[in-house]
Amino acid sequence: MKKLLLIFMLILTVNTYSRVGLGVGVGSETEILIGIEDYNIGIGLEDDTSLRLDKHFTVPNTPHFYWGVGGKVSEDDDHRLGARGIAGLNFFPEREIELYAQIVPTLYLIEDTHSDIEYSLGIRYWLD
């Protein structure tokens, strides 16, 4: 897990001129959020440590809907690796503040194969 965290921290330094957002999400798990343009990194803070990376795409001709794909690594009693699909709604009450809600079907492929429907509500502050 430490190696993955190091890789994601290096990603942050590569995009020094990109728009960066910091926030927190609650739902299926509580997590710290780091956004770089349309990429989102989540670091889970609960009993099981998790790390996810997602890419979001805006739905054309809609102001607030997005979809995305990503992956998730989770450590609890066992190690899990999963693929994620994302459907969400975001709202910017001010230019720097983003509120969002998303539903995330996840298919875990390692340790045992199973699926979960995860969800998240959160807030992110975008730095300029």
C-alpha atoms as a PDB file:
ATOM      1  CA  MET A   1       0.000   0.000   0.000  1.00  0.00           C
ATOM      2  CA  LYS A   2       2.891   2.391   0.722  1.00  0.00           C
ATOM      3  CA  LYS A   3       4.225   1.913  -2.816  1.00  0.00           C
ATOM      4  CA  LEU A   4       0.826   2.770  -4.307  1.00  0.00           C
ATOM      5  CA  LEU A   5       0.548   5.872  -2.148  1.00  0.00           C
ATOM      6  CA  LEU A   6       4.009   6.954  -3.310  1.00  0.00           C
ATOM      7  CA  ILE A   7       3.005   6.466  -6.959  1.00  0.00           C
ATOM      8  CA  PHE A   8      -0.103   8.610  -6.507  1.00  0.00           C
ATOM      9  CA  MET A   9       1.897  11.316  -4.743  1.00  0.00           C
ATOM     10  CA  LEU A  10       4.293  11.377  -7.716  1.00  0.00           C
ATOM     11  CA  ILE A  11       1.302  11.822 -10.020  1.00  0.00           C
ATOM     12  CA  LEU A  12       0.473  14.971  -8.068  1.00  0.00           C
ATOM     13  CA  THR A  13       3.884  16.473  -8.803  1.00  0.00           C
ATOM     14  CA  VAL A  14       3.690  15.726 -12.545  1.00  0.00           C
ATOM     15  CA  ASN A  15       0.617  17.914 -13.004  1.00  0.00           C
ATOM     16  CA  THR A  16       1.874  21.034 -11.244  1.00  0.00           C
ATOM     17  CA  TYR A  17      -0.003  23.352 -13.622  1.00  0.00           C
ATOM     18  CA  SER A  18      -3.326  21.510 -13.439  1.00  0.00           C
ATOM     19  CA  ARG A  19      -6.300  22.486 -11.326  1.00  0.00           C
ATOM     20  CA  VAL A  20      -6.093  20.644  -7.980  1.00  0.00           C
ATOM     21  CA  GLY A  21      -8.922  20.021  -5.513  1.00  0.00           C
ATOM     22  CA  LEU A  22      -8.868  18.748  -1.925  1.00  0.00           C
ATOM     23  CA  GLY A  23     -11.860  17.403  -0.046  1.00  0.00           C
ATOM     24  CA  VAL A  24     -13.603  14.729   1.963  1.00  0.00           C
ATOM     25  CA  GLY A  25     -16.204  12.134   1.014  1.00  0.00           C
ATOM     26  CA  VAL A  26     -18.559  10.041   3.146  1.00  0.00           C
ATOM     27  CA  GLY A  27     -20.755   7.094   2.260  1.00  0.00           C
ATOM     28  CA  SER A  28     -19.640   3.518   1.739  1.00  0.00           C
ATOM     29  CA  GLU A  29     -16.399   4.682   3.336  1.00  0.00           C
ATOM     30  CA  THR A  30     -14.919   7.932   4.604  1.00  0.00           C
ATOM     31  CA  GLU A  31     -12.089   9.189   2.436  1.00  0.00           C
ATOM     32  CA  ILE A  32      -9.732  12.052   1.737  1.00  0.00           C
ATOM     33  CA  LEU A  33     -10.117  13.279  -1.857  1.00  0.00           C
ATOM     34  CA  ILE A  34      -7.510  14.701  -4.194  1.00  0.00           C
ATOM     35  CA  GLY A  35      -8.682  15.895  -7.599  1.00  0.00           C
ATOM     36  CA  ILE A  36      -6.401  16.768 -10.508  1.00  0.00           C
ATOM     37  CA  GLU A  37      -8.495  18.081 -13.406  1.00  0.00           C
ATOM     38  CA  ASP A  38     -10.764  15.096 -14.259  1.00  0.00           C
ATOM     39  CA  TYR A  39      -8.778  12.526 -12.248  1.00  0.00           C
ATOM     40  CA  ASN A  40      -9.739  11.742  -8.669  1.00  0.00           C
ATOM     41  CA  ILE A  41      -7.736   9.976  -5.984  1.00  0.00           C
ATOM     42  CA  GLY A  42      -9.459   8.718  -2.834  1.00  0.00           C
ATOM     43  CA  ILE A  43      -7.660   7.485   0.277  1.00  0.00           C
ATOM     44  CA  GLY A  44      -9.947   5.479   2.591  1.00  0.00           C
ATOM     45  CA  LEU A  45      -9.762   6.276   6.302  1.00  0.00           C
ATOM     46  CA  GLU A  46     -11.738   3.426   7.837  1.00  0.00           C
ATOM     47  CA  ASP A  47     -10.630   0.113   9.362  1.00  0.00           C
ATOM     48  CA  ASP A  48      -9.583  -1.176   5.957  1.00  0.00           C
ATOM     49  CA  THR A  49      -7.151   1.021   4.069  1.00  0.00           C
ATOM     50  CA  SER A  50      -8.159   1.706   0.485  1.00  0.00           C
ATOM     51  CA  LEU A  51      -6.838   3.680  -2.433  1.00  0.00           C
ATOM     52  CA  ARG A  52      -8.702   4.484  -5.632  1.00  0.00           C
ATOM     53  CA  LEU A  53      -8.046   6.317  -8.874  1.00  0.00           C
ATOM     54  CA  ASP A  54     -10.909   7.402 -11.149  1.00  0.00           C
ATOM     55  CA  LYS A  55     -11.251   9.336 -14.406  1.00  0.00           C
ATOM     56  CA  HIS A  56     -14.426  11.442 -14.792  1.00  0.00           C
ATOM     57  CA  PHE A  57     -16.122  12.528 -18.021  1.00  0.00           C
ATOM     58  CA  THR A  58     -18.783  15.233 -18.240  1.00  0.00           C
ATOM     59  CA  VAL A  59     -22.029  14.205 -19.932  1.00  0.00           C
ATOM     60  CA  PRO A  60     -22.435  16.499 -22.978  1.00  0.00           C
ATOM     61  CA  ASN A  61     -25.232  19.089 -22.892  1.00  0.00           C
ATOM     62  CA  THR A  62     -25.804  18.652 -19.153  1.00  0.00           C
ATOM     63  CA  PRO A  63     -24.389  21.052 -16.596  1.00  0.00           C
ATOM     64  CA  HIS A  64     -23.898  18.697 -13.655  1.00  0.00           C
ATOM     65  CA  PHE A  65     -23.830  15.020 -14.650  1.00  0.00           C
ATOM     66  CA  TYR A  66     -20.673  12.957 -15.065  1.00  0.00           C
ATOM     67  CA  TRP A  67     -19.628   9.350 -15.492  1.00  0.00           C
ATOM     68  CA  GLY A  68     -16.310   7.632 -15.057  1.00  0.00           C
ATOM     69  CA  VAL A  69     -14.169   4.548 -14.726  1.00  0.00           C
ATOM     70  CA  GLY A  70     -11.480   3.607 -12.272  1.00  0.00           C
ATOM     71  CA  GLY A  71      -9.821   1.090 -10.034  1.00  0.00           C
ATOM     72  CA  LYS A  72      -9.608   0.437  -6.321  1.00  0.00           C
ATOM     73  CA  VAL A  73      -7.168  -1.394  -4.053  1.00  0.00           C
ATOM     74  CA  SER A  74      -8.374  -2.284  -0.563  1.00  0.00           C
ATOM     75  CA  GLU A  75      -6.672  -3.948   2.393  1.00  0.00           C
ATOM     76  CA  ASP A  76      -8.739  -5.416   5.191  1.00  0.00           C
ATOM     77  CA  ASP A  77      -8.555  -9.057   6.262  1.00  0.00           C
ATOM     78  CA  ASP A  78      -7.512  -9.796   2.689  1.00  0.00           C
ATOM     79  CA  HIS A  79      -6.273  -7.780  -0.277  1.00  0.00           C
ATOM     80  CA  ARG A  80      -8.837  -6.741  -2.885  1.00  0.00           C
ATOM     81  CA  LEU A  81      -8.512  -5.206  -6.332  1.00  0.00           C
ATOM     82  CA  GLY A  82     -11.561  -3.910  -8.169  1.00  0.00           C
ATOM     83  CA  ALA A  83     -12.772  -2.143 -11.294  1.00  0.00           C
ATOM     84  CA  ARG A  84     -15.270   0.712 -10.847  1.00  0.00           C
ATOM     85  CA  GLY A  85     -17.894   2.472 -12.921  1.00  0.00           C
ATOM     86  CA  ILE A  86     -19.136   5.874 -11.735  1.00  0.00           C
ATOM     87  CA  ALA A  87     -22.309   7.897 -12.259  1.00  0.00           C
ATOM     88  CA  GLY A  88     -22.551  11.209 -10.459  1.00  0.00           C
ATOM     89  CA  LEU A  89     -23.999  14.652 -10.070  1.00  0.00           C
ATOM     90  CA  ASN A  90     -21.954  17.677  -9.021  1.00  0.00           C
ATOM     91  CA  PHE A  91     -22.811  21.258  -8.179  1.00  0.00           C
ATOM     92  CA  PHE A  92     -20.584  24.313  -7.798  1.00  0.00           C
ATOM     93  CA  PRO A  93     -22.263  26.875  -5.479  1.00  0.00           C
ATOM     94  CA  GLU A  94     -19.091  28.932  -5.968  1.00  0.00           C
ATOM     95  CA  ARG A  95     -16.280  28.521  -8.482  1.00  0.00           C
ATOM     96  CA  GLU A  96     -13.922  26.851  -5.973  1.00  0.00           C
ATOM     97  CA  ILE A  97     -16.430  24.685  -4.063  1.00  0.00           C
ATOM     98  CA  GLU A  98     -17.815  21.430  -5.469  1.00  0.00           C
ATOM     99  CA  LEU A  99     -20.563  19.351  -3.869  1.00  0.00           C
ATOM    100  CA  TYR A 100     -21.162  15.908  -5.343  1.00  0.00           C
ATOM    101  CA  ALA A 101     -23.142  12.678  -5.046  1.00  0.00           C
ATOM    102  CA  GLN A 102     -22.188   9.516  -6.889  1.00  0.00           C
ATOM    103  CA  ILE A 103     -23.059   5.851  -7.134  1.00  0.00           C
ATOM    104  CA  VAL A 104     -20.246   3.446  -7.932  1.00  0.00           C
ATOM    105  CA  PRO A 105     -20.796  -0.182  -8.961  1.00  0.00           C
ATOM    106  CA  THR A 106     -17.544  -2.012  -8.170  1.00  0.00           C
ATOM    107  CA  LEU A 107     -16.460  -5.464  -9.312  1.00  0.00           C
ATOM    108  CA  TYR A 108     -13.769  -6.957  -7.075  1.00  0.00           C
ATOM    109  CA  LEU A 109     -11.544  -9.384  -8.968  1.00  0.00           C
ATOM    110  CA  ILE A 110      -8.797 -10.471  -6.552  1.00  0.00           C
ATOM    111  CA  GLU A 111      -9.125 -12.597  -3.396  1.00  0.00           C
ATOM    112  CA  ASP A 112     -12.716 -13.411  -4.261  1.00  0.00           C
ATOM    113  CA  THR A 113     -14.880 -12.216  -7.130  1.00  0.00           C
ATOM    114  CA  HIS A 114     -17.888 -10.215  -5.982  1.00  0.00           C
ATOM    115  CA  SER A 115     -19.585  -6.903  -6.649  1.00  0.00           C
ATOM    116  CA  ASP A 116     -20.690  -4.006  -4.456  1.00  0.00           C
ATOM    117  CA  ILE A 117     -22.759  -0.902  -5.070  1.00  0.00           C
ATOM    118  CA  GLU A 118     -20.820   1.855  -3.332  1.00  0.00           C
ATOM    119  CA  TYR A 119     -21.879   5.484  -2.944  1.00  0.00           C
ATOM    120  CA  SER A 120     -20.352   8.750  -1.866  1.00  0.00           C
ATOM    121  CA  LEU A 121     -21.369  12.298  -0.933  1.00  0.00           C
ATOM    122  CA  GLY A 122     -18.657  14.871  -0.648  1.00  0.00           C
ATOM    123  CA  ILE A 123     -17.242  18.333  -0.848  1.00  0.00           C
ATOM    124  CA  ARG A 124     -14.076  19.472  -2.570  1.00  0.00           C
ATOM    125  CA  TYR A 125     -12.276  22.831  -2.605  1.00  0.00           C
ATOM    126  CA  TRP A 126     -10.524  23.570  -5.915  1.00  0.00           C
ATOM    127  CA  LEU A 127      -7.264  25.522  -5.747  1.00  0.00           C
ATOM    128  CA  ASP A 128      -6.268  27.849  -8.567  1.00  0.00           C
END
